[in-house]
Amino acid sequence: MNPAEITTFLNSFTQKQERIIVVVDFGNVDKWKENLGWKVGIQELSRLVKIFSYGNKELRRFYYGSDFGPKERSTTLSLWSASILNRANMNRFEVITKPVKYIHDSLKANGYEKKCDFDVEMAVDLIRLRDQYDDIVLFSGDGDLVYALRYLRDAFRKMSYVFGARGHVGREVVDAVKDGVIQRLLYADDFKYRLDMDRFQRR
């Protein structure tokens, strides 16, 4: 999409901002930098999200893990985790979090693998809040939510739009677009001028 097409697309949501739920799987979004070559900023993301969903904060949902480190009894968040969660809250997201799991893995250099998936939480929230919205905007190229999106379309006529990064979109998402489960697949690459947290420094 070029900037003119993007503007037209975003303007099409103006009249229904209060009936759109936005789901941000930030663990997935943060990995986009591997393909994009730049990092999505939370403040920049918030500005874009508010074009889709404005008013009810509960419909702007931000999912990210609380990282307390590998010690099971630790109550101190890592600086990185605390920074992301605080910035998301300051930018008027409804923050949904849970502790990051540290799973022992002798094949890893540091001896463990970190895991914190929110697929179940996101699916349950989409179904639980279904009376409050008509359209879904999902920031995640992961295909795990396609089953829920299909159910919401078939049972409640909910329309879905998915943001991903080129090279970071699951086959299930691509197939769901072809099947009409997802109305449109959008690429973060095309929204660089809105999402790149360092876009002004690089000029």
C-alpha atoms as a PDB file:
ATOM      1  CA  MET A   1       0.000   0.000   0.000  1.00  0.00           C
ATOM      2  CA  ASN A   2       1.210   3.492  -0.787  1.00  0.00           C
ATOM      3  CA  PRO A   3       0.507   6.467   1.565  1.00  0.00           C
ATOM      4  CA  ALA A   4      -2.583   7.550  -0.410  1.00  0.00           C
ATOM      5  CA  GLU A   5      -4.075   4.053  -0.225  1.00  0.00           C
ATOM      6  CA  ILE A   6      -3.289   3.881   3.483  1.00  0.00           C
ATOM      7  CA  THR A   7      -5.037   7.201   4.119  1.00  0.00           C
ATOM      8  CA  THR A   8      -8.140   6.015   2.271  1.00  0.00           C
ATOM      9  CA  PHE A   9      -8.103   2.741   4.184  1.00  0.00           C
ATOM     10  CA  LEU A  10      -7.755   4.437   7.585  1.00  0.00           C
ATOM     11  CA  ASN A  11     -10.473   6.970   6.787  1.00  0.00           C
ATOM     12  CA  SER A  12     -12.893   4.097   6.171  1.00  0.00           C
ATOM     13  CA  PHE A  13     -12.849   3.386   9.927  1.00  0.00           C
ATOM     14  CA  THR A  14     -13.744   6.913  11.048  1.00  0.00           C
ATOM     15  CA  GLN A  15     -17.462   6.264  11.493  1.00  0.00           C
ATOM     16  CA  LYS A  16     -17.058   3.038  13.463  1.00  0.00           C
ATOM     17  CA  GLN A  17     -14.158   3.725  15.845  1.00  0.00           C
ATOM     18  CA  GLU A  18     -16.291   2.998  18.909  1.00  0.00           C
ATOM     19  CA  ARG A  19     -17.174  -0.495  17.621  1.00  0.00           C
ATOM     20  CA  ILE A  20     -13.698  -1.865  16.842  1.00  0.00           C
ATOM     21  CA  ILE A  21     -11.511  -3.987  19.096  1.00  0.00           C
ATOM     22  CA  VAL A  22      -7.748  -3.859  18.599  1.00  0.00           C
ATOM     23  CA  VAL A  23      -5.654  -6.748  19.886  1.00  0.00           C
ATOM     24  CA  VAL A  24      -1.888  -6.204  20.108  1.00  0.00           C
ATOM     25  CA  ASP A  25       0.261  -9.277  20.732  1.00  0.00           C
ATOM     26  CA  PHE A  26       3.357  -7.222  21.476  1.00  0.00           C
ATOM     27  CA  GLY A  27       5.600 -10.235  21.950  1.00  0.00           C
ATOM     28  CA  ASN A  28       4.895 -11.015  18.298  1.00  0.00           C
ATOM     29  CA  VAL A  29       5.083  -7.372  17.163  1.00  0.00           C
ATOM     30  CA  ASP A  30       8.461  -6.907  18.842  1.00  0.00           C
ATOM     31  CA  LYS A  31       9.886  -9.768  16.767  1.00  0.00           C
ATOM     32  CA  TRP A  32       8.965  -7.985  13.541  1.00  0.00           C
ATOM     33  CA  LYS A  33      12.209  -6.016  13.797  1.00  0.00           C
ATOM     34  CA  GLU A  34      14.017  -9.144  12.585  1.00  0.00           C
ATOM     35  CA  ASN A  35      12.323  -8.733   9.189  1.00  0.00           C
ATOM     36  CA  LEU A  36      11.651  -4.994   9.151  1.00  0.00           C
ATOM     37  CA  GLY A  37      15.105  -3.788  10.120  1.00  0.00           C
ATOM     38  CA  TRP A  38      13.466  -1.228  12.430  1.00  0.00           C
ATOM     39  CA  LYS A  39      11.510  -1.328  15.671  1.00  0.00           C
ATOM     40  CA  VAL A  40       7.815  -0.590  16.216  1.00  0.00           C
ATOM     41  CA  GLY A  41       7.419   2.080  18.898  1.00  0.00           C
ATOM     42  CA  ILE A  42       4.647   1.793  21.479  1.00  0.00           C
ATOM     43  CA  GLN A  43       3.711   5.467  21.259  1.00  0.00           C
ATOM     44  CA  GLU A  44       3.651   5.275  17.465  1.00  0.00           C
ATOM     45  CA  LEU A  45       1.606   2.081  17.622  1.00  0.00           C
ATOM     46  CA  SER A  46      -0.859   3.736  19.989  1.00  0.00           C
ATOM     47  CA  ARG A  47      -1.430   6.631  17.591  1.00  0.00           C
ATOM     48  CA  LEU A  48      -2.233   4.213  14.779  1.00  0.00           C
ATOM     49  CA  VAL A  49      -4.438   2.049  16.994  1.00  0.00           C
ATOM     50  CA  LYS A  50      -6.527   5.059  18.049  1.00  0.00           C
ATOM     51  CA  ILE A  51      -7.451   5.653  14.399  1.00  0.00           C
ATOM     52  CA  PHE A  52      -9.150   2.256  14.475  1.00  0.00           C
ATOM     53  CA  SER A  53     -10.499   2.268  18.033  1.00  0.00           C
ATOM     54  CA  TYR A  54     -11.248   5.389  20.010  1.00  0.00           C
ATOM     55  CA  GLY A  55     -13.247   5.817  23.193  1.00  0.00           C
ATOM     56  CA  ASN A  56     -13.491   2.595  25.184  1.00  0.00           C
ATOM     57  CA  LYS A  57      -9.986   1.807  26.459  1.00  0.00           C
ATOM     58  CA  GLU A  58     -11.001  -1.817  27.056  1.00  0.00           C
ATOM     59  CA  LEU A  59     -11.162  -2.290  23.285  1.00  0.00           C
ATOM     60  CA  ARG A  60      -7.498  -1.307  22.822  1.00  0.00           C
ATOM     61  CA  ARG A  61      -5.844  -4.395  24.283  1.00  0.00           C
ATOM     62  CA  PHE A  62      -2.097  -4.893  24.743  1.00  0.00           C
ATOM     63  CA  TYR A  63      -0.778  -8.358  25.676  1.00  0.00           C
ATOM     64  CA  TYR A  64       2.768  -8.730  26.985  1.00  0.00           C
ATOM     65  CA  GLY A  65       4.550 -10.808  29.615  1.00  0.00           C
ATOM     66  CA  SER A  66       5.807  -9.688  33.026  1.00  0.00           C
ATOM     67  CA  ASP A  67       9.412 -10.859  33.208  1.00  0.00           C
ATOM     68  CA  PHE A  68      10.589 -11.424  36.788  1.00  0.00           C
ATOM     69  CA  GLY A  69      13.710 -13.334  35.752  1.00  0.00           C
ATOM     70  CA  PRO A  70      14.593 -17.006  36.202  1.00  0.00           C
ATOM     71  CA  LYS A  71      14.284 -17.015  40.011  1.00  0.00           C
ATOM     72  CA  GLU A  72      10.826 -18.375  40.848  1.00  0.00           C
ATOM     73  CA  ARG A  73      10.291 -16.218  43.940  1.00  0.00           C
ATOM     74  CA  SER A  74      11.464 -12.961  42.396  1.00  0.00           C
ATOM     75  CA  THR A  75       9.038 -10.022  42.651  1.00  0.00           C
ATOM     76  CA  THR A  76      11.158  -7.542  40.695  1.00  0.00           C
ATOM     77  CA  LEU A  77      10.310  -6.946  37.056  1.00  0.00           C
ATOM     78  CA  SER A  78      13.144  -6.703  34.569  1.00  0.00           C
ATOM     79  CA  LEU A  79      13.756  -3.114  33.458  1.00  0.00           C
ATOM     80  CA  TRP A  80      12.841  -4.009  29.873  1.00  0.00           C
ATOM     81  CA  SER A  81       9.539  -5.645  30.809  1.00  0.00           C
ATOM     82  CA  ALA A  82       8.584  -2.873  33.234  1.00  0.00           C
ATOM     83  CA  SER A  83       9.402  -0.231  30.620  1.00  0.00           C
ATOM     84  CA  ILE A  84       7.176  -1.811  27.960  1.00  0.00           C
ATOM     85  CA  LEU A  85       4.226  -2.373  30.295  1.00  0.00           C
ATOM     86  CA  ASN A  86       4.473   1.162  31.701  1.00  0.00           C
ATOM     87  CA  ARG A  87       4.674   2.729  28.242  1.00  0.00           C
ATOM     88  CA  ALA A  88       1.678   0.715  27.064  1.00  0.00           C
ATOM     89  CA  ASN A  89      -0.350   1.872  30.061  1.00  0.00           C
ATOM     90  CA  MET A  90       0.715   5.501  29.584  1.00  0.00           C
ATOM     91  CA  ASN A  91      -0.411   5.319  25.962  1.00  0.00           C
ATOM     92  CA  ARG A  92      -3.941   4.326  26.959  1.00  0.00           C
ATOM     93  CA  PHE A  93      -3.833   0.620  26.235  1.00  0.00           C
ATOM     94  CA  GLU A  94      -5.694  -1.920  28.356  1.00  0.00           C
ATOM     95  CA  VAL A  95      -2.679  -3.968  29.464  1.00  0.00           C
ATOM     96  CA  ILE A  96      -3.059  -7.718  29.923  1.00  0.00           C
ATOM     97  CA  THR A  97      -0.065  -9.501  31.380  1.00  0.00           C
ATOM     98  CA  LYS A  98       1.089 -12.635  33.180  1.00  0.00           C
ATOM     99  CA  PRO A  99       4.491 -13.916  34.379  1.00  0.00           C
ATOM    100  CA  VAL A 100       7.017 -15.092  31.809  1.00  0.00           C
ATOM    101  CA  LYS A 101       7.957 -18.759  32.249  1.00  0.00           C
ATOM    102  CA  TYR A 102      11.603 -19.807  32.331  1.00  0.00           C
ATOM    103  CA  ILE A 103      11.905 -23.346  30.998  1.00  0.00           C
ATOM    104  CA  HIS A 104      15.170 -25.193  31.535  1.00  0.00           C
ATOM    105  CA  ASP A 105      16.865 -26.049  28.247  1.00  0.00           C
ATOM    106  CA  SER A 106      20.431 -27.339  28.280  1.00  0.00           C
ATOM    107  CA  LEU A 107      20.754 -26.607  24.556  1.00  0.00           C
ATOM    108  CA  LYS A 108      20.400 -22.870  25.135  1.00  0.00           C
ATOM    109  CA  ALA A 109      23.496 -20.814  25.914  1.00  0.00           C
ATOM    110  CA  ASN A 110      21.941 -19.400  29.109  1.00  0.00           C
ATOM    111  CA  GLY A 111      20.359 -22.719  30.108  1.00  0.00           C
ATOM    112  CA  TYR A 112      16.709 -21.787  29.658  1.00  0.00           C
ATOM    113  CA  GLU A 113      14.041 -20.687  27.205  1.00  0.00           C
ATOM    114  CA  LYS A 114      11.537 -17.943  27.935  1.00  0.00           C
ATOM    115  CA  LYS A 115       7.870 -18.537  27.110  1.00  0.00           C
ATOM    116  CA  CYS A 116       4.741 -16.415  27.499  1.00  0.00           C
ATOM    117  CA  ASP A 117       1.965 -17.022  24.982  1.00  0.00           C
ATOM    118  CA  PHE A 118      -1.366 -15.190  25.135  1.00  0.00           C
ATOM    119  CA  ASP A 119      -3.312 -17.088  22.481  1.00  0.00           C
ATOM    120  CA  VAL A 120      -5.892 -18.416  24.952  1.00  0.00           C
ATOM    121  CA  GLU A 121      -6.312 -15.054  26.681  1.00  0.00           C
ATOM    122  CA  MET A 122      -6.771 -13.221  23.391  1.00  0.00           C
ATOM    123  CA  ALA A 123      -9.279 -15.765  22.068  1.00  0.00           C
ATOM    124  CA  VAL A 124     -11.315 -15.730  25.294  1.00  0.00           C
ATOM    125  CA  ASP A 125     -11.349 -11.920  25.407  1.00  0.00           C
ATOM    126  CA  LEU A 126     -12.475 -11.675  21.782  1.00  0.00           C
ATOM    127  CA  ILE A 127     -15.405 -13.961  22.529  1.00  0.00           C
ATOM    128  CA  ARG A 128     -16.168 -12.429  25.942  1.00  0.00           C
ATOM    129  CA  LEU A 129     -16.288  -8.873  24.563  1.00  0.00           C
ATOM    130  CA  ARG A 130     -18.075  -9.718  21.308  1.00  0.00           C
ATOM    131  CA  ASP A 131     -21.141  -7.586  22.082  1.00  0.00           C
ATOM    132  CA  GLN A 132     -18.968  -4.468  22.343  1.00  0.00           C
ATOM    133  CA  TYR A 133     -17.470  -4.541  18.843  1.00  0.00           C
ATOM    134  CA  ASP A 134     -18.162  -5.317  15.192  1.00  0.00           C
ATOM    135  CA  ASP A 135     -14.652  -5.434  13.698  1.00  0.00           C
ATOM    136  CA  ILE A 136     -11.347  -6.879  14.902  1.00  0.00           C
ATOM    137  CA  VAL A 137      -7.913  -5.425  14.174  1.00  0.00           C
ATOM    138  CA  LEU A 138      -5.179  -7.850  15.192  1.00  0.00           C
ATOM    139  CA  PHE A 139      -1.511  -6.897  15.407  1.00  0.00           C
ATOM    140  CA  SER A 140       0.114 -10.320  15.093  1.00  0.00           C
ATOM    141  CA  GLY A 141       1.170 -12.395  12.124  1.00  0.00           C
ATOM    142  CA  ASP A 142       0.814 -15.586  14.146  1.00  0.00           C
ATOM    143  CA  GLY A 143      -1.779 -17.990  12.780  1.00  0.00           C
ATOM    144  CA  ASP A 144      -2.879 -19.396  16.147  1.00  0.00           C
ATOM    145  CA  LEU A 145      -5.876 -17.048  16.430  1.00  0.00           C
ATOM    146  CA  VAL A 146      -7.328 -17.911  13.023  1.00  0.00           C
ATOM    147  CA  TYR A 147      -9.577 -20.583  14.564  1.00  0.00           C
ATOM    148  CA  ALA A 148     -11.125 -17.976  16.871  1.00  0.00           C
ATOM    149  CA  LEU A 149     -11.463 -15.434  14.056  1.00  0.00           C
ATOM    150  CA  ARG A 150     -13.256 -18.024  11.924  1.00  0.00           C
ATOM    151  CA  TYR A 151     -15.672 -18.828  14.753  1.00  0.00           C
ATOM    152  CA  LEU A 152     -16.388 -15.132  15.368  1.00  0.00           C
ATOM    153  CA  ARG A 153     -17.090 -14.585  11.680  1.00  0.00           C
ATOM    154  CA  ASP A 154     -19.342 -17.618  11.317  1.00  0.00           C
ATOM    155  CA  ALA A 155     -21.243 -17.240  14.589  1.00  0.00           C
ATOM    156  CA  PHE A 156     -21.362 -13.450  15.035  1.00  0.00           C
ATOM    157  CA  ARG A 157     -20.404 -11.947  11.636  1.00  0.00           C
ATOM    158  CA  LYS A 158     -17.299 -10.238  13.002  1.00  0.00           C
ATOM    159  CA  MET A 159     -14.897  -8.855  10.399  1.00  0.00           C
ATOM    160  CA  SER A 160     -11.127  -9.150  10.936  1.00  0.00           C
ATOM    161  CA  TYR A 161      -8.079  -7.249   9.737  1.00  0.00           C
ATOM    162  CA  VAL A 162      -4.572  -8.497  10.505  1.00  0.00           C
ATOM    163  CA  PHE A 163      -1.268  -6.624  10.677  1.00  0.00           C
ATOM    164  CA  GLY A 164       1.969  -8.528  10.189  1.00  0.00           C
ATOM    165  CA  ALA A 165       5.471  -8.021   8.824  1.00  0.00           C
ATOM    166  CA  ARG A 166       6.474  -9.473   5.473  1.00  0.00           C
ATOM    167  CA  GLY A 167       8.295 -12.726   6.138  1.00  0.00           C
ATOM    168  CA  HIS A 168       6.685 -12.958   9.576  1.00  0.00           C
ATOM    169  CA  VAL A 169       3.134 -14.037   8.703  1.00  0.00           C
ATOM    170  CA  GLY A 170       1.871 -17.562   9.325  1.00  0.00           C
ATOM    171  CA  ARG A 171       0.529 -19.682   6.476  1.00  0.00           C
ATOM    172  CA  GLU A 172      -2.760 -19.965   8.378  1.00  0.00           C
ATOM    173  CA  VAL A 173      -3.221 -16.184   8.122  1.00  0.00           C
ATOM    174  CA  VAL A 174      -2.580 -16.159   4.378  1.00  0.00           C
ATOM    175  CA  ASP A 175      -5.026 -19.039   3.875  1.00  0.00           C
ATOM    176  CA  ALA A 176      -7.633 -17.287   6.041  1.00  0.00           C
ATOM    177  CA  VAL A 177      -7.436 -14.226   3.787  1.00  0.00           C
ATOM    178  CA  LYS A 178      -8.069 -16.420   0.750  1.00  0.00           C
ATOM    179  CA  ASP A 179     -11.031 -18.045   2.530  1.00  0.00           C
ATOM    180  CA  GLY A 180     -12.542 -14.683   3.498  1.00  0.00           C
ATOM    181  CA  VAL A 181     -12.097 -15.257   7.227  1.00  0.00           C
ATOM    182  CA  ILE A 182      -9.746 -12.249   7.331  1.00  0.00           C
ATOM    183  CA  GLN A 183     -10.892  -9.285   5.249  1.00  0.00           C
ATOM    184  CA  ARG A 184      -7.445  -7.838   4.730  1.00  0.00           C
ATOM    185  CA  LEU A 185      -3.817  -8.596   5.568  1.00  0.00           C
ATOM    186  CA  LEU A 186      -1.839  -5.424   6.148  1.00  0.00           C
ATOM    187  CA  TYR A 187       1.927  -5.159   6.290  1.00  0.00           C
ATOM    188  CA  ALA A 188       3.726  -3.130   8.936  1.00  0.00           C
ATOM    189  CA  ASP A 189       6.422  -2.489   6.321  1.00  0.00           C
ATOM    190  CA  ASP A 190       3.999  -0.178   4.477  1.00  0.00           C
ATOM    191  CA  PHE A 191       3.279   1.751   7.692  1.00  0.00           C
ATOM    192  CA  LYS A 192       6.929   2.496   8.491  1.00  0.00           C
ATOM    193  CA  TYR A 193       6.326   6.250   8.338  1.00  0.00           C
ATOM    194  CA  ARG A 194       3.826   5.791  11.190  1.00  0.00           C
ATOM    195  CA  LEU A 195       5.299   2.946  13.260  1.00  0.00           C
ATOM    196  CA  ASP A 196       9.111   3.286  13.191  1.00  0.00           C
ATOM    197  CA  MET A 197      10.098   4.643  16.612  1.00  0.00           C
ATOM    198  CA  ASP A 198      13.313   6.137  15.168  1.00  0.00           C
ATOM    199  CA  ARG A 199      11.874   7.494  11.938  1.00  0.00           C
ATOM    200  CA  PHE A 200      12.734  11.138  12.712  1.00  0.00           C
ATOM    201  CA  GLN A 201      16.305  10.400  13.853  1.00  0.00           C
ATOM    202  CA  ARG A 202      17.065   8.616  10.568  1.00  0.00           C
ATOM    203  CA  ARG A 203      16.172  11.523   8.318  1.00  0.00           C
END
